[in-house]
Amino acid sequence: MSSNIRAIVDINQTAAEYKSSIVLRISDNKYIDVKSILGLSFTLYQNHEYKLEIHGPDETEAKHAMVEAFKKHHLYVQVNE
């Protein structure tokens, strides 16, 4: 399995562990649900910086886990505050 595919699967599986909404902001009006492996696979390696928006009951834990998942694959991510 290529490292890109491994990163996509890992990030997707990490997001699926949480109840919170986790979306990747592509542009001012375009968002991709990180829990959608198809959407994630089309967008993950098209950019060099990523912005996540996470909202929900377990968002604090989800934010930490998502930053670690991106970092593990040498991808820079910013998370909403």
PDB file of N, CA and C in Angstrom:
ATOM      1  N   MET A   1       0.847  -1.171   0.000  1.00  0.00           N
ATOM      2  CA  MET A   1       0.000   0.000   0.000  1.00  0.00           C
ATOM      3  C   MET A   1       0.897   1.241   0.000  1.00  0.00           C
ATOM      4  N   SER A   2       0.609   2.174  -0.883  1.00  0.00           N
ATOM      5  CA  SER A   2       1.434   3.385  -0.962  1.00  0.00           C
ATOM      6  C   SER A   2       1.247   4.233   0.291  1.00  0.00           C
ATOM      7  N   SER A   3       2.213   5.093   0.543  1.00  0.00           N
ATOM      8  CA  SER A   3       2.137   5.935   1.741  1.00  0.00           C
ATOM      9  C   SER A   3       0.965   6.909   1.668  1.00  0.00           C
ATOM     10  N   ASN A   4       0.603   7.366   0.460  1.00  0.00           N
ATOM     11  CA  ASN A   4      -0.545   8.270   0.320  1.00  0.00           C
ATOM     12  C   ASN A   4      -1.841   7.564   0.710  1.00  0.00           C
ATOM     13  N   ILE A   5      -2.011   6.348   0.225  1.00  0.00           N
ATOM     14  CA  ILE A   5      -3.218   5.581   0.544  1.00  0.00           C
ATOM     15  C   ILE A   5      -3.248   5.255   2.034  1.00  0.00           C
ATOM     16  N   ARG A   6      -2.124   4.901   2.584  1.00  0.00           N
ATOM     17  CA  ARG A   6      -2.032   4.595   4.015  1.00  0.00           C
ATOM     18  C   ARG A   6      -2.438   5.819   4.850  1.00  0.00           C
ATOM     19  N   ALA A   7      -1.983   6.997   4.442  1.00  0.00           N
ATOM     20  CA  ALA A   7      -2.335   8.233   5.155  1.00  0.00           C
ATOM     21  C   ALA A   7      -3.834   8.493   5.067  1.00  0.00           C
ATOM     22  N   ILE A   8      -4.410   8.344   3.894  1.00  0.00           N
ATOM     23  CA  ILE A   8      -5.841   8.575   3.701  1.00  0.00           C
ATOM     24  C   ILE A   8      -6.657   7.638   4.581  1.00  0.00           C
ATOM     25  N   VAL A   9      -6.313   6.362   4.573  1.00  0.00           N
ATOM     26  CA  VAL A   9      -7.036   5.377   5.377  1.00  0.00           C
ATOM     27  C   VAL A   9      -6.872   5.673   6.860  1.00  0.00           C
ATOM     28  N   ASP A  10      -5.663   5.977   7.283  1.00  0.00           N
ATOM     29  CA  ASP A  10      -5.402   6.253   8.694  1.00  0.00           C
ATOM     30  C   ASP A  10      -6.158   7.482   9.176  1.00  0.00           C
ATOM     31  N   ILE A  11      -6.123   8.551   8.414  1.00  0.00           N
ATOM     32  CA  ILE A  11      -6.825   9.780   8.787  1.00  0.00           C
ATOM     33  C   ILE A  11      -8.333   9.544   8.812  1.00  0.00           C
ATOM     34  N   ASN A  12      -8.839   8.831   7.827  1.00  0.00           N
ATOM     35  CA  ASN A  12     -10.258   8.512   7.766  1.00  0.00           C
ATOM     36  C   ASN A  12     -10.686   7.651   8.959  1.00  0.00           C
ATOM     37  N   GLN A  13      -9.919   6.634   9.285  1.00  0.00           N
ATOM     38  CA  GLN A  13     -10.265   5.761  10.405  1.00  0.00           C
ATOM     39  C   GLN A  13     -10.177   6.497  11.744  1.00  0.00           C
ATOM     40  N   THR A  14      -9.219   7.395  11.876  1.00  0.00           N
ATOM     41  CA  THR A  14      -9.115   8.191  13.091  1.00  0.00           C
ATOM     42  C   THR A  14     -10.359   9.058  13.253  1.00  0.00           C
ATOM     43  N   ALA A  15     -10.783   9.706  12.186  1.00  0.00           N
ATOM     44  CA  ALA A  15     -11.974  10.564  12.235  1.00  0.00           C
ATOM     45  C   ALA A  15     -13.221   9.754  12.581  1.00  0.00           C
ATOM     46  N   ALA A  16     -13.317   8.548  12.066  1.00  0.00           N
ATOM     47  CA  ALA A  16     -14.499   7.709  12.287  1.00  0.00           C
ATOM     48  C   ALA A  16     -14.671   7.302  13.750  1.00  0.00           C
ATOM     49  N   GLU A  17     -13.631   7.432  14.548  1.00  0.00           N
ATOM     50  CA  GLU A  17     -13.701   7.070  15.965  1.00  0.00           C
ATOM     51  C   GLU A  17     -14.459   8.102  16.802  1.00  0.00           C
ATOM     52  N   TYR A  18     -14.770   9.249  16.219  1.00  0.00           N
ATOM     53  CA  TYR A  18     -15.372  10.347  16.982  1.00  0.00           C
ATOM     54  C   TYR A  18     -16.765  10.683  16.482  1.00  0.00           C
ATOM     55  N   LYS A  19     -17.597  11.155  17.415  1.00  0.00           N
ATOM     56  CA  LYS A  19     -18.962  11.561  17.073  1.00  0.00           C
ATOM     57  C   LYS A  19     -18.992  12.947  16.448  1.00  0.00           C
ATOM     58  N   SER A  20     -17.992  13.751  16.732  1.00  0.00           N
ATOM     59  CA  SER A  20     -17.941  15.127  16.223  1.00  0.00           C
ATOM     60  C   SER A  20     -17.890  15.172  14.708  1.00  0.00           C
ATOM     61  N   SER A  21     -18.381  16.270  14.164  1.00  0.00           N
ATOM     62  CA  SER A  21     -18.256  16.547  12.737  1.00  0.00           C
ATOM     63  C   SER A  21     -16.811  16.978  12.476  1.00  0.00           C
ATOM     64  N   ILE A  22     -16.166  16.343  11.515  1.00  0.00           N
ATOM     65  CA  ILE A  22     -14.779  16.670  11.175  1.00  0.00           C
ATOM     66  C   ILE A  22     -14.717  16.923   9.674  1.00  0.00           C
ATOM     67  N   VAL A  23     -14.493  18.173   9.303  1.00  0.00           N
ATOM     68  CA  VAL A  23     -14.452  18.524   7.891  1.00  0.00           C
ATOM     69  C   VAL A  23     -13.140  19.215   7.545  1.00  0.00           C
ATOM     70  N   LEU A  24     -12.702  18.984   6.341  1.00  0.00           N
ATOM     71  CA  LEU A  24     -11.492  19.587   5.799  1.00  0.00           C
ATOM     72  C   LEU A  24     -11.935  20.757   4.933  1.00  0.00           C
ATOM     73  N   ARG A  25     -11.462  21.940   5.284  1.00  0.00           N
ATOM     74  CA  ARG A  25     -11.845  23.144   4.530  1.00  0.00           C
ATOM     75  C   ARG A  25     -10.921  23.264   3.325  1.00  0.00           C
ATOM     76  N   ILE A  26     -11.497  23.201   2.145  1.00  0.00           N
ATOM     77  CA  ILE A  26     -10.745  23.262   0.896  1.00  0.00           C
ATOM     78  C   ILE A  26     -10.629  24.704   0.412  1.00  0.00           C
ATOM     79  N   SER A  27     -11.705  25.449   0.520  1.00  0.00           N
ATOM     80  CA  SER A  27     -11.727  26.855   0.133  1.00  0.00           C
ATOM     81  C   SER A  27     -12.774  27.538   1.005  1.00  0.00           C
ATOM     82  N   ASP A  28     -13.047  28.802   0.736  1.00  0.00           N
ATOM     83  CA  ASP A  28     -14.004  29.533   1.562  1.00  0.00           C
ATOM     84  C   ASP A  28     -15.384  28.890   1.586  1.00  0.00           C
ATOM     85  N   ASN A  29     -15.750  28.216   0.526  1.00  0.00           N
ATOM     86  CA  ASN A  29     -17.091  27.638   0.482  1.00  0.00           C
ATOM     87  C   ASN A  29     -17.112  26.148   0.130  1.00  0.00           C
ATOM     88  N   LYS A  30     -15.983  25.469   0.262  1.00  0.00           N
ATOM     89  CA  LYS A  30     -15.942  24.046  -0.075  1.00  0.00           C
ATOM     90  C   LYS A  30     -15.334  23.264   1.091  1.00  0.00           C
ATOM     91  N   TYR A  31     -16.069  22.255   1.517  1.00  0.00           N
ATOM     92  CA  TYR A  31     -15.653  21.419   2.634  1.00  0.00           C
ATOM     93  C   TYR A  31     -15.763  19.946   2.253  1.00  0.00           C
ATOM     94  N   ILE A  32     -14.877  19.142   2.812  1.00  0.00           N
ATOM     95  CA  ILE A  32     -14.906  17.694   2.594  1.00  0.00           C
ATOM     96  C   ILE A  32     -15.035  17.008   3.949  1.00  0.00           C
ATOM     97  N   ASP A  33     -15.974  16.099   4.069  1.00  0.00           N
ATOM     98  CA  ASP A  33     -16.128  15.322   5.295  1.00  0.00           C
ATOM     99  C   ASP A  33     -14.963  14.336   5.383  1.00  0.00           C
ATOM    100  N   VAL A  34     -14.164  14.438   6.428  1.00  0.00           N
ATOM    101  CA  VAL A  34     -12.984  13.589   6.579  1.00  0.00           C
ATOM    102  C   VAL A  34     -13.390  12.128   6.808  1.00  0.00           C
ATOM    103  N   LYS A  35     -14.633  11.908   7.220  1.00  0.00           N
ATOM    104  CA  LYS A  35     -15.129  10.550   7.417  1.00  0.00           C
ATOM    105  C   LYS A  35     -15.525   9.893   6.093  1.00  0.00           C
ATOM    106  N   SER A  36     -15.496  10.668   5.013  1.00  0.00           N
ATOM    107  CA  SER A  36     -15.765  10.142   3.674  1.00  0.00           C
ATOM    108  C   SER A  36     -14.438   9.817   3.009  1.00  0.00           C
ATOM    109  N   ILE A  37     -14.125   8.548   2.910  1.00  0.00           N
ATOM    110  CA  ILE A  37     -12.824   8.155   2.349  1.00  0.00           C
ATOM    111  C   ILE A  37     -12.716   8.577   0.887  1.00  0.00           C
ATOM    112  N   LEU A  38     -13.810   8.575   0.166  1.00  0.00           N
ATOM    113  CA  LEU A  38     -13.762   8.983  -1.244  1.00  0.00           C
ATOM    114  C   LEU A  38     -13.450  10.470  -1.363  1.00  0.00           C
ATOM    115  N   GLY A  39     -14.140  11.303  -0.590  1.00  0.00           N
ATOM    116  CA  GLY A  39     -13.869  12.741  -0.619  1.00  0.00           C
ATOM    117  C   GLY A  39     -12.456  13.048  -0.181  1.00  0.00           C
ATOM    118  N   LEU A  40     -12.014  12.369   0.853  1.00  0.00           N
ATOM    119  CA  LEU A  40     -10.664  12.578   1.374  1.00  0.00           C
ATOM    120  C   LEU A  40      -9.612  12.172   0.344  1.00  0.00           C
ATOM    121  N   SER A  41      -9.848  11.078  -0.354  1.00  0.00           N
ATOM    122  CA  SER A  41      -8.856  10.602  -1.324  1.00  0.00           C
ATOM    123  C   SER A  41      -8.703  11.554  -2.509  1.00  0.00           C
ATOM    124  N   PHE A  42      -9.759  12.295  -2.834  1.00  0.00           N
ATOM    125  CA  PHE A  42      -9.679  13.242  -3.945  1.00  0.00           C
ATOM    126  C   PHE A  42      -8.990  14.543  -3.564  1.00  0.00           C
ATOM    127  N   THR A  43      -8.913  14.848  -2.274  1.00  0.00           N
ATOM    128  CA  THR A  43      -8.415  16.158  -1.875  1.00  0.00           C
ATOM    129  C   THR A  43      -7.144  16.153  -1.046  1.00  0.00           C
ATOM    130  N   LEU A  44      -6.801  15.058  -0.408  1.00  0.00           N
ATOM    131  CA  LEU A  44      -5.749  15.094   0.600  1.00  0.00           C
ATOM    132  C   LEU A  44      -4.401  15.529   0.065  1.00  0.00           C
ATOM    133  N   TYR A  45      -3.995  15.088  -1.080  1.00  0.00           N
ATOM    134  CA  TYR A  45      -2.661  15.438  -1.558  1.00  0.00           C
ATOM    135  C   TYR A  45      -2.657  16.514  -2.634  1.00  0.00           C
ATOM    136  N   GLN A  46      -3.745  17.275  -2.731  1.00  0.00           N
ATOM    137  CA  GLN A  46      -3.783  18.384  -3.680  1.00  0.00           C
ATOM    138  C   GLN A  46      -3.297  19.681  -3.053  1.00  0.00           C
ATOM    139  N   ASN A  47      -3.224  19.733  -1.742  1.00  0.00           N
ATOM    140  CA  ASN A  47      -2.820  20.942  -1.031  1.00  0.00           C
ATOM    141  C   ASN A  47      -1.606  20.649  -0.170  1.00  0.00           C
ATOM    142  N   HIS A  48      -0.990  21.697   0.352  1.00  0.00           N
ATOM    143  CA  HIS A  48       0.145  21.519   1.246  1.00  0.00           C
ATOM    144  C   HIS A  48      -0.201  21.904   2.672  1.00  0.00           C
ATOM    145  N   GLU A  49      -1.270  22.650   2.840  1.00  0.00           N
ATOM    146  CA  GLU A  49      -1.743  23.026   4.160  1.00  0.00           C
ATOM    147  C   GLU A  49      -3.217  22.679   4.243  1.00  0.00           C
ATOM    148  N   TYR A  50      -3.612  22.235   5.417  1.00  0.00           N
ATOM    149  CA  TYR A  50      -4.979  21.780   5.600  1.00  0.00           C
ATOM    150  C   TYR A  50      -5.599  22.481   6.797  1.00  0.00           C
ATOM    151  N   LYS A  51      -6.884  22.758   6.692  1.00  0.00           N
ATOM    152  CA  LYS A  51      -7.624  23.380   7.788  1.00  0.00           C
ATOM    153  C   LYS A  51      -8.789  22.471   8.138  1.00  0.00           C
ATOM    154  N   LEU A  52      -8.817  22.035   9.384  1.00  0.00           N
ATOM    155  CA  LEU A  52      -9.902  21.191   9.861  1.00  0.00           C
ATOM    156  C   LEU A  52     -10.845  22.010  10.724  1.00  0.00           C
ATOM    157  N   GLU A  53     -12.112  21.712  10.588  1.00  0.00           N
ATOM    158  CA  GLU A  53     -13.116  22.284  11.467  1.00  0.00           C
ATOM    159  C   GLU A  53     -13.784  21.106  12.158  1.00  0.00           C
ATOM    160  N   ILE A  54     -13.744  21.130  13.487  1.00  0.00           N
ATOM    161  CA  ILE A  54     -14.261  20.021  14.279  1.00  0.00           C
ATOM    162  C   ILE A  54     -15.244  20.578  15.298  1.00  0.00           C
ATOM    163  N   HIS A  55     -16.463  20.036  15.291  1.00  0.00           N
ATOM    164  CA  HIS A  55     -17.503  20.475  16.213  1.00  0.00           C
ATOM    165  C   HIS A  55     -18.281  19.263  16.704  1.00  0.00           C
ATOM    166  N   GLY A  56     -18.491  19.196  18.003  1.00  0.00           N
ATOM    167  CA  GLY A  56     -19.308  18.120  18.535  1.00  0.00           C
ATOM    168  C   GLY A  56     -18.957  17.769  19.963  1.00  0.00           C
ATOM    169  N   PRO A  57     -19.577  16.713  20.465  1.00  0.00           N
ATOM    170  CA  PRO A  57     -19.448  16.360  21.877  1.00  0.00           C
ATOM    171  C   PRO A  57     -18.051  15.922  22.314  1.00  0.00           C
ATOM    172  N   ASP A  58     -17.264  15.417  21.385  1.00  0.00           N
ATOM    173  CA  ASP A  58     -15.914  14.951  21.743  1.00  0.00           C
ATOM    174  C   ASP A  58     -14.844  15.689  20.936  1.00  0.00           C
ATOM    175  N   GLU A  59     -15.119  16.960  20.641  1.00  0.00           N
ATOM    176  CA  GLU A  59     -14.230  17.711  19.753  1.00  0.00           C
ATOM    177  C   GLU A  59     -12.829  17.911  20.314  1.00  0.00           C
ATOM    178  N   THR A  60     -12.677  18.039  21.611  1.00  0.00           N
ATOM    179  CA  THR A  60     -11.341  18.231  22.179  1.00  0.00           C
ATOM    180  C   THR A  60     -10.463  17.016  21.904  1.00  0.00           C
ATOM    181  N   GLU A  61     -11.008  15.838  22.158  1.00  0.00           N
ATOM    182  CA  GLU A  61     -10.266  14.606  21.892  1.00  0.00           C
ATOM    183  C   GLU A  61     -10.034  14.416  20.396  1.00  0.00           C
ATOM    184  N   ALA A  62     -11.049  14.727  19.606  1.00  0.00           N
ATOM    185  CA  ALA A  62     -10.938  14.571  18.152  1.00  0.00           C
ATOM    186  C   ALA A  62      -9.866  15.490  17.575  1.00  0.00           C
ATOM    187  N   LYS A  63      -9.794  16.725  18.077  1.00  0.00           N
ATOM    188  CA  LYS A  63      -8.786  17.671  17.589  1.00  0.00           C
ATOM    189  C   LYS A  63      -7.380  17.121  17.819  1.00  0.00           C
ATOM    190  N   HIS A  64      -7.143  16.654  19.014  1.00  0.00           N
ATOM    191  CA  HIS A  64      -5.822  16.111  19.338  1.00  0.00           C
ATOM    192  C   HIS A  64      -5.495  14.907  18.447  1.00  0.00           C
ATOM    193  N   ALA A  65      -6.426  13.994  18.310  1.00  0.00           N
ATOM    194  CA  ALA A  65      -6.199  12.784  17.509  1.00  0.00           C
ATOM    195  C   ALA A  65      -5.967  13.115  16.036  1.00  0.00           C
ATOM    196  N   MET A  66      -6.721  14.078  15.512  1.00  0.00           N
ATOM    197  CA  MET A  66      -6.571  14.421  14.102  1.00  0.00           C
ATOM    198  C   MET A  66      -5.236  15.096  13.830  1.00  0.00           C
ATOM    199  N   VAL A  67      -4.806  15.979  14.720  1.00  0.00           N
ATOM    200  CA  VAL A  67      -3.490  16.615  14.555  1.00  0.00           C
ATOM    201  C   VAL A  67      -2.403  15.537  14.544  1.00  0.00           C
ATOM    202  N   GLU A  68      -2.506  14.585  15.444  1.00  0.00           N
ATOM    203  CA  GLU A  68      -1.517  13.506  15.501  1.00  0.00           C
ATOM    204  C   GLU A  68      -1.552  12.643  14.237  1.00  0.00           C
ATOM    205  N   ALA A  69      -2.734  12.365  13.717  1.00  0.00           N
ATOM    206  CA  ALA A  69      -2.855  11.551  12.500  1.00  0.00           C
ATOM    207  C   ALA A  69      -2.224  12.258  11.298  1.00  0.00           C
ATOM    208  N   PHE A  70      -2.456  13.553  11.165  1.00  0.00           N
ATOM    209  CA  PHE A  70      -1.848  14.308  10.066  1.00  0.00           C
ATOM    210  C   PHE A  70      -0.335  14.375  10.253  1.00  0.00           C
ATOM    211  N   LYS A  71       0.086  14.657  11.480  1.00  0.00           N
ATOM    212  CA  LYS A  71       1.514  14.776  11.777  1.00  0.00           C
ATOM    213  C   LYS A  71       2.253  13.463  11.482  1.00  0.00           C
ATOM    214  N   LYS A  72       1.631  12.359  11.808  1.00  0.00           N
ATOM    215  CA  LYS A  72       2.220  11.033  11.577  1.00  0.00           C
ATOM    216  C   LYS A  72       2.593  10.842  10.098  1.00  0.00           C
ATOM    217  N   HIS A  73       1.838  11.467   9.220  1.00  0.00           N
ATOM    218  CA  HIS A  73       2.056  11.326   7.776  1.00  0.00           C
ATOM    219  C   HIS A  73       2.713  12.579   7.182  1.00  0.00           C
ATOM    220  N   HIS A  74       3.313  13.392   8.050  1.00  0.00           N
ATOM    221  CA  HIS A  74       4.066  14.586   7.638  1.00  0.00           C
ATOM    222  C   HIS A  74       3.207  15.572   6.858  1.00  0.00           C
ATOM    223  N   LEU A  75       1.965  15.748   7.312  1.00  0.00           N
ATOM    224  CA  LEU A  75       1.042  16.692   6.710  1.00  0.00           C
ATOM    225  C   LEU A  75       0.747  17.792   7.725  1.00  0.00           C
ATOM    226  N   TYR A  76       0.834  19.049   7.289  1.00  0.00           N
ATOM    227  CA  TYR A  76       0.587  20.180   8.166  1.00  0.00           C
ATOM    228  C   TYR A  76      -0.915  20.467   8.215  1.00  0.00           C
ATOM    229  N   VAL A  77      -1.442  20.591   9.423  1.00  0.00           N
ATOM    230  CA  VAL A  77      -2.868  20.874   9.572  1.00  0.00           C
ATOM    231  C   VAL A  77      -3.088  21.928  10.648  1.00  0.00           C
ATOM    232  N   GLN A  78      -4.061  22.795  10.383  1.00  0.00           N
ATOM    233  CA  GLN A  78      -4.526  23.763  11.368  1.00  0.00           C
ATOM    234  C   GLN A  78      -5.917  23.335  11.779  1.00  0.00           C
ATOM    235  N   VAL A  79      -6.238  23.494  13.063  1.00  0.00           N
ATOM    236  CA  VAL A  79      -7.574  23.115  13.537  1.00  0.00           C
ATOM    237  C   VAL A  79      -8.246  24.351  14.095  1.00  0.00           C
ATOM    238  N   ASN A  80      -9.545  24.482  13.802  1.00  0.00           N
ATOM    239  CA  ASN A  80     -10.322  25.624  14.300  1.00  0.00           C
ATOM    240  C   ASN A  80     -10.255  25.683  15.820  1.00  0.00           C
ATOM    241  N   GLU A  81     -10.381  26.858  16.344  1.00  0.00           N
ATOM    242  CA  GLU A  81     -10.375  27.033  17.810  1.00  0.00           C
ATOM    243  C   GLU A  81     -11.748  27.326  18.307  1.00  0.00           C
TER     244      GLU A  81
END
